[in-house]
Amino acid sequence: MSKLDDKVALYSQTLTKLGQKVDEKLLRAVTKGCGPSIYTKDGETVSASDKAEVERVKKNFMEKKLGLSGKDLDAGFDYAVDVIGKSSRNKYRAVMYYLIVKKYKKDSVYA
């Protein structure tokens, strides 16, 4: 298995544990879209308590990639954090992005 396959498997297991139905094709596309950041310890996760990082996710992913704006930015980010769990230390970037994509039905961005 490739490194990407390993990451997709990890994220799929994580989503399943969270009670989410997993679209493997979409998860692979979202994971691949994260680029090399998922292969570094710091880049693989999102710190929901770091305001600068939260703003980067909203601006660079939610606004630029998905075309979301306004209240959707806070609502989408908060939704992903709630599903994963505020106390969870492993808020994987690809898992958060996947949850946001599914919430706003933006699958077509990765088609």
N, C-alpha and C. Protein backbone atom coordinates (compact mmCIF):
# COMPACT_ATOMS: atom_id res chain seq x y z
N MET A 1 0.84 -1.19 0.00
CA MET A 1 0.00 0.00 0.00
C MET A 1 0.88 1.25 0.00
N SER A 2 0.38 2.28 -0.65
CA SER A 2 1.10 3.55 -0.69
C SER A 2 0.83 4.34 0.59
N LYS A 3 1.59 5.39 0.78
CA LYS A 3 1.38 6.27 1.94
C LYS A 3 -0.03 6.85 1.90
N LEU A 4 -0.49 7.22 0.70
CA LEU A 4 -1.84 7.77 0.56
C LEU A 4 -2.88 6.73 0.97
N ASP A 5 -2.70 5.49 0.54
CA ASP A 5 -3.62 4.41 0.92
C ASP A 5 -3.67 4.24 2.43
N ASP A 6 -2.52 4.31 3.07
CA ASP A 6 -2.45 4.19 4.53
C ASP A 6 -3.24 5.30 5.21
N LYS A 7 -3.08 6.52 4.72
CA LYS A 7 -3.79 7.67 5.31
C LYS A 7 -5.29 7.55 5.08
N VAL A 8 -5.70 7.17 3.88
CA VAL A 8 -7.13 7.02 3.58
C VAL A 8 -7.74 5.96 4.49
N ALA A 9 -7.03 4.86 4.71
CA ALA A 9 -7.51 3.80 5.60
C ALA A 9 -7.67 4.32 7.03
N LEU A 10 -6.68 5.07 7.50
CA LEU A 10 -6.74 5.64 8.85
C LEU A 10 -7.93 6.59 8.99
N TYR A 11 -8.11 7.46 8.02
CA TYR A 11 -9.20 8.43 8.08
C TYR A 11 -10.56 7.75 7.94
N SER A 12 -10.63 6.70 7.14
CA SER A 12 -11.87 5.95 6.98
C SER A 12 -12.26 5.29 8.30
N GLN A 13 -11.29 4.69 8.98
CA GLN A 13 -11.54 4.08 10.29
C GLN A 13 -12.00 5.14 11.29
N THR A 14 -11.37 6.29 11.26
CA THR A 14 -11.73 7.38 12.17
C THR A 14 -13.17 7.81 11.94
N LEU A 15 -13.54 8.01 10.68
CA LEU A 15 -14.91 8.43 10.36
C LEU A 15 -15.92 7.36 10.77
N THR A 16 -15.59 6.10 10.55
CA THR A 16 -16.48 5.00 10.93
C THR A 16 -16.69 5.00 12.44
N LYS A 17 -15.61 5.19 13.21
CA LYS A 17 -15.72 5.25 14.67
C LYS A 17 -16.60 6.41 15.12
N LEU A 18 -16.64 7.47 14.31
CA LEU A 18 -17.46 8.63 14.63
C LEU A 18 -18.91 8.44 14.19
N GLY A 19 -19.21 7.26 13.63
CA GLY A 19 -20.57 6.96 13.20
C GLY A 19 -20.93 7.52 11.84
N GLN A 20 -19.94 7.85 11.05
CA GLN A 20 -20.17 8.44 9.73
C GLN A 20 -20.12 7.37 8.64
N LYS A 21 -21.00 7.49 7.67
CA LYS A 21 -20.95 6.63 6.49
C LYS A 21 -19.86 7.21 5.60
N VAL A 22 -18.96 6.36 5.12
CA VAL A 22 -17.79 6.85 4.38
C VAL A 22 -17.92 6.59 2.88
N ASP A 23 -17.78 7.64 2.11
CA ASP A 23 -17.68 7.56 0.66
C ASP A 23 -16.18 7.50 0.37
N GLU A 24 -15.67 6.30 0.13
CA GLU A 24 -14.22 6.09 -0.02
C GLU A 24 -13.63 6.92 -1.16
N LYS A 25 -14.35 7.02 -2.25
CA LYS A 25 -13.85 7.78 -3.41
C LYS A 25 -13.69 9.26 -3.05
N LEU A 26 -14.70 9.81 -2.38
CA LEU A 26 -14.64 11.21 -1.97
C LEU A 26 -13.55 11.42 -0.92
N LEU A 27 -13.47 10.51 0.05
CA LEU A 27 -12.45 10.62 1.09
C LEU A 27 -11.05 10.61 0.47
N ARG A 28 -10.83 9.74 -0.50
CA ARG A 28 -9.53 9.68 -1.18
C ARG A 28 -9.24 11.01 -1.88
N ALA A 29 -10.24 11.57 -2.56
CA ALA A 29 -10.05 12.84 -3.27
C ALA A 29 -9.76 13.98 -2.30
N VAL A 30 -10.50 14.03 -1.19
CA VAL A 30 -10.27 15.08 -0.19
C VAL A 30 -8.87 14.92 0.42
N THR A 31 -8.51 13.69 0.74
CA THR A 31 -7.19 13.42 1.33
C THR A 31 -6.08 13.82 0.37
N LYS A 32 -6.22 13.44 -0.89
CA LYS A 32 -5.22 13.80 -1.89
C LYS A 32 -5.15 15.32 -2.05
N GLY A 33 -6.30 15.98 -1.96
CA GLY A 33 -6.36 17.43 -2.09
C GLY A 33 -5.65 18.17 -0.96
N CYS A 34 -5.46 17.50 0.16
CA CYS A 34 -4.73 18.12 1.29
C CYS A 34 -3.25 18.25 0.97
N GLY A 35 -2.79 17.50 -0.01
CA GLY A 35 -1.39 17.59 -0.41
C GLY A 35 -0.44 17.00 0.62
N PRO A 36 0.80 17.43 0.58
CA PRO A 36 1.83 16.85 1.46
C PRO A 36 1.65 17.18 2.94
N SER A 37 0.75 18.07 3.27
CA SER A 37 0.56 18.44 4.68
C SER A 37 0.16 17.24 5.53
N ILE A 38 -0.52 16.27 4.95
CA ILE A 38 -0.98 15.13 5.75
C ILE A 38 0.15 14.19 6.16
N TYR A 39 1.32 14.39 5.59
CA TYR A 39 2.45 13.52 5.92
C TYR A 39 3.36 14.10 7.00
N THR A 40 2.98 15.25 7.56
CA THR A 40 3.73 15.82 8.68
C THR A 40 2.83 15.82 9.90
N LYS A 41 3.42 15.61 11.05
CA LYS A 41 2.65 15.52 12.30
C LYS A 41 1.80 16.77 12.53
N ASP A 42 2.40 17.93 12.37
CA ASP A 42 1.68 19.18 12.62
C ASP A 42 0.65 19.47 11.53
N GLY A 43 0.99 19.21 10.30
CA GLY A 43 0.10 19.53 9.19
C GLY A 43 -1.06 18.59 9.03
N GLU A 44 -0.94 17.38 9.57
CA GLU A 44 -1.98 16.38 9.42
C GLU A 44 -3.22 16.71 10.25
N THR A 45 -3.02 17.45 11.33
CA THR A 45 -4.14 17.77 12.22
C THR A 45 -4.44 19.27 12.21
N VAL A 46 -5.64 19.58 12.66
CA VAL A 46 -6.07 20.97 12.77
C VAL A 46 -6.24 21.28 14.24
N SER A 47 -5.66 22.37 14.69
CA SER A 47 -5.81 22.80 16.07
C SER A 47 -7.00 23.75 16.14
N ALA A 48 -8.10 23.26 16.68
CA ALA A 48 -9.32 24.07 16.75
C ALA A 48 -9.19 25.21 17.76
N SER A 49 -8.15 25.17 18.60
CA SER A 49 -7.96 26.23 19.59
C SER A 49 -7.00 27.32 19.08
N ASP A 50 -6.38 27.09 17.94
CA ASP A 50 -5.46 28.07 17.36
C ASP A 50 -6.24 28.94 16.37
N LYS A 51 -6.54 30.16 16.80
CA LYS A 51 -7.38 31.05 15.99
C LYS A 51 -6.82 31.29 14.59
N ALA A 52 -5.51 31.40 14.48
CA ALA A 52 -4.88 31.62 13.17
C ALA A 52 -5.11 30.42 12.25
N GLU A 53 -4.99 29.22 12.81
CA GLU A 53 -5.20 28.02 12.00
C GLU A 53 -6.67 27.88 11.60
N VAL A 54 -7.56 28.18 12.51
CA VAL A 54 -8.99 28.13 12.20
C VAL A 54 -9.30 29.09 11.05
N GLU A 55 -8.76 30.28 11.11
CA GLU A 55 -8.99 31.26 10.05
C GLU A 55 -8.40 30.80 8.72
N ARG A 56 -7.25 30.13 8.76
CA ARG A 56 -6.64 29.60 7.53
C ARG A 56 -7.54 28.54 6.90
N VAL A 57 -8.10 27.67 7.73
CA VAL A 57 -9.01 26.63 7.21
C VAL A 57 -10.23 27.28 6.57
N LYS A 58 -10.79 28.26 7.26
CA LYS A 58 -11.98 28.94 6.73
C LYS A 58 -11.66 29.65 5.42
N LYS A 59 -10.55 30.38 5.39
CA LYS A 59 -10.22 31.17 4.20
C LYS A 59 -9.74 30.30 3.04
N ASN A 60 -8.75 29.46 3.30
CA ASN A 60 -8.12 28.70 2.22
C ASN A 60 -8.91 27.49 1.75
N PHE A 61 -9.64 26.86 2.65
CA PHE A 61 -10.41 25.68 2.25
C PHE A 61 -11.88 26.01 2.03
N MET A 62 -12.52 26.54 3.05
CA MET A 62 -13.96 26.73 2.98
C MET A 62 -14.36 27.82 1.99
N GLU A 63 -13.65 28.94 2.00
CA GLU A 63 -13.98 30.03 1.06
C GLU A 63 -13.45 29.75 -0.34
N LYS A 64 -12.13 29.56 -0.44
CA LYS A 64 -11.50 29.43 -1.76
C LYS A 64 -11.85 28.12 -2.46
N LYS A 65 -11.78 27.01 -1.75
CA LYS A 65 -11.99 25.71 -2.38
C LYS A 65 -13.47 25.39 -2.54
N LEU A 66 -14.26 25.62 -1.48
CA LEU A 66 -15.67 25.23 -1.51
C LEU A 66 -16.62 26.36 -1.88
N GLY A 67 -16.16 27.60 -1.83
CA GLY A 67 -17.01 28.72 -2.19
C GLY A 67 -18.02 29.10 -1.12
N LEU A 68 -17.75 28.75 0.12
CA LEU A 68 -18.66 29.08 1.23
C LEU A 68 -18.34 30.48 1.74
N SER A 69 -19.30 31.06 2.46
CA SER A 69 -19.07 32.39 3.02
C SER A 69 -20.00 32.63 4.21
N GLY A 70 -19.78 33.74 4.88
CA GLY A 70 -20.64 34.17 5.97
C GLY A 70 -20.73 33.19 7.12
N LYS A 71 -21.96 32.98 7.59
CA LYS A 71 -22.20 32.13 8.75
C LYS A 71 -21.84 30.67 8.49
N ASP A 72 -21.84 30.27 7.21
CA ASP A 72 -21.48 28.89 6.87
C ASP A 72 -20.06 28.55 7.32
N LEU A 73 -19.18 29.54 7.35
CA LEU A 73 -17.79 29.29 7.74
C LEU A 73 -17.71 28.83 9.19
N ASP A 74 -18.32 29.58 10.09
CA ASP A 74 -18.31 29.21 11.50
C ASP A 74 -19.11 27.93 11.72
N ALA A 75 -20.29 27.85 11.12
CA ALA A 75 -21.16 26.69 11.31
C ALA A 75 -20.50 25.41 10.81
N GLY A 76 -19.86 25.47 9.66
CA GLY A 76 -19.21 24.29 9.10
C GLY A 76 -18.03 23.83 9.92
N PHE A 77 -17.21 24.77 10.34
CA PHE A 77 -16.05 24.42 11.16
C PHE A 77 -16.51 23.84 12.49
N ASP A 78 -17.48 24.50 13.13
CA ASP A 78 -17.99 24.03 14.42
C ASP A 78 -18.63 22.65 14.30
N TYR A 79 -19.33 22.41 13.18
CA TYR A 79 -19.95 21.11 12.94
C TYR A 79 -18.88 20.01 12.93
N ALA A 80 -17.82 20.23 12.18
CA ALA A 80 -16.75 19.22 12.09
C ALA A 80 -16.11 18.98 13.45
N VAL A 81 -15.87 20.03 14.20
CA VAL A 81 -15.27 19.90 15.54
C VAL A 81 -16.22 19.13 16.45
N ASP A 82 -17.52 19.41 16.38
CA ASP A 82 -18.50 18.71 17.22
C ASP A 82 -18.56 17.22 16.89
N VAL A 83 -18.54 16.89 15.61
CA VAL A 83 -18.59 15.47 15.21
C VAL A 83 -17.35 14.74 15.70
N ILE A 84 -16.19 15.35 15.52
CA ILE A 84 -14.93 14.72 15.92
C ILE A 84 -14.81 14.70 17.45
N GLY A 85 -15.30 15.73 18.09
CA GLY A 85 -15.22 15.85 19.54
C GLY A 85 -14.22 16.92 19.93
N LYS A 86 -14.69 17.89 20.69
CA LYS A 86 -13.83 19.01 21.07
C LYS A 86 -12.59 18.56 21.83
N SER A 87 -12.73 17.49 22.60
CA SER A 87 -11.60 17.03 23.42
C SER A 87 -10.64 16.12 22.65
N SER A 88 -11.02 15.73 21.44
CA SER A 88 -10.15 14.85 20.64
C SER A 88 -8.88 15.59 20.22
N ARG A 89 -7.75 14.97 20.45
CA ARG A 89 -6.48 15.59 20.07
C ARG A 89 -6.20 15.39 18.59
N ASN A 90 -6.79 14.34 18.01
CA ASN A 90 -6.53 14.03 16.60
C ASN A 90 -7.66 14.51 15.71
N LYS A 91 -7.67 15.79 15.46
CA LYS A 91 -8.63 16.35 14.50
C LYS A 91 -7.92 16.35 13.15
N TYR A 92 -7.99 15.19 12.50
CA TYR A 92 -7.29 15.05 11.23
C TYR A 92 -7.85 16.02 10.20
N ARG A 93 -6.96 16.70 9.51
CA ARG A 93 -7.34 17.69 8.51
C ARG A 93 -8.27 17.09 7.45
N ALA A 94 -7.90 15.93 6.91
CA ALA A 94 -8.70 15.31 5.86
C ALA A 94 -10.09 14.92 6.38
N VAL A 95 -10.17 14.48 7.62
CA VAL A 95 -11.47 14.11 8.21
C VAL A 95 -12.33 15.36 8.37
N MET A 96 -11.74 16.43 8.88
CA MET A 96 -12.49 17.69 9.04
C MET A 96 -12.99 18.18 7.69
N TYR A 97 -12.10 18.19 6.70
CA TYR A 97 -12.48 18.67 5.38
C TYR A 97 -13.59 17.79 4.79
N TYR A 98 -13.47 16.49 4.96
CA TYR A 98 -14.49 15.56 4.45
C TYR A 98 -15.85 15.86 5.08
N LEU A 99 -15.87 16.04 6.39
CA LEU A 99 -17.13 16.33 7.09
C LEU A 99 -17.76 17.63 6.59
N ILE A 100 -16.95 18.64 6.36
CA ILE A 100 -17.45 19.92 5.86
C ILE A 100 -17.97 19.77 4.44
N VAL A 101 -17.24 19.05 3.60
CA VAL A 101 -17.68 18.81 2.21
C VAL A 101 -19.04 18.11 2.22
N LYS A 102 -19.19 17.08 3.05
CA LYS A 102 -20.46 16.33 3.11
C LYS A 102 -21.59 17.22 3.65
N LYS A 103 -21.31 18.00 4.69
CA LYS A 103 -22.35 18.85 5.27
C LYS A 103 -22.94 19.80 4.24
N TYR A 104 -22.09 20.39 3.43
CA TYR A 104 -22.55 21.39 2.46
C TYR A 104 -22.75 20.81 1.06
N LYS A 105 -22.69 19.46 0.97
CA LYS A 105 -22.94 18.78 -0.31
C LYS A 105 -22.08 19.35 -1.44
N LYS A 106 -20.81 19.50 -1.15
CA LYS A 106 -19.85 20.05 -2.11
C LYS A 106 -19.01 18.95 -2.76
N ASP A 107 -19.56 17.74 -2.83
CA ASP A 107 -18.86 16.60 -3.42
C ASP A 107 -18.38 16.91 -4.84
N SER A 108 -19.15 17.72 -5.55
CA SER A 108 -18.83 18.02 -6.95
C SER A 108 -17.48 18.73 -7.10
N VAL A 109 -17.02 19.39 -6.06
CA VAL A 109 -15.72 20.07 -6.10
C VAL A 109 -14.61 19.03 -6.33
N TYR A 110 -14.84 17.81 -5.86
CA TYR A 110 -13.83 16.75 -5.97
C TYR A 110 -14.16 15.72 -7.03
N ALA A 111 -15.17 15.99 -7.86
CA ALA A 111 -15.57 15.01 -8.89
C ALA A 111 -14.60 15.00 -10.05
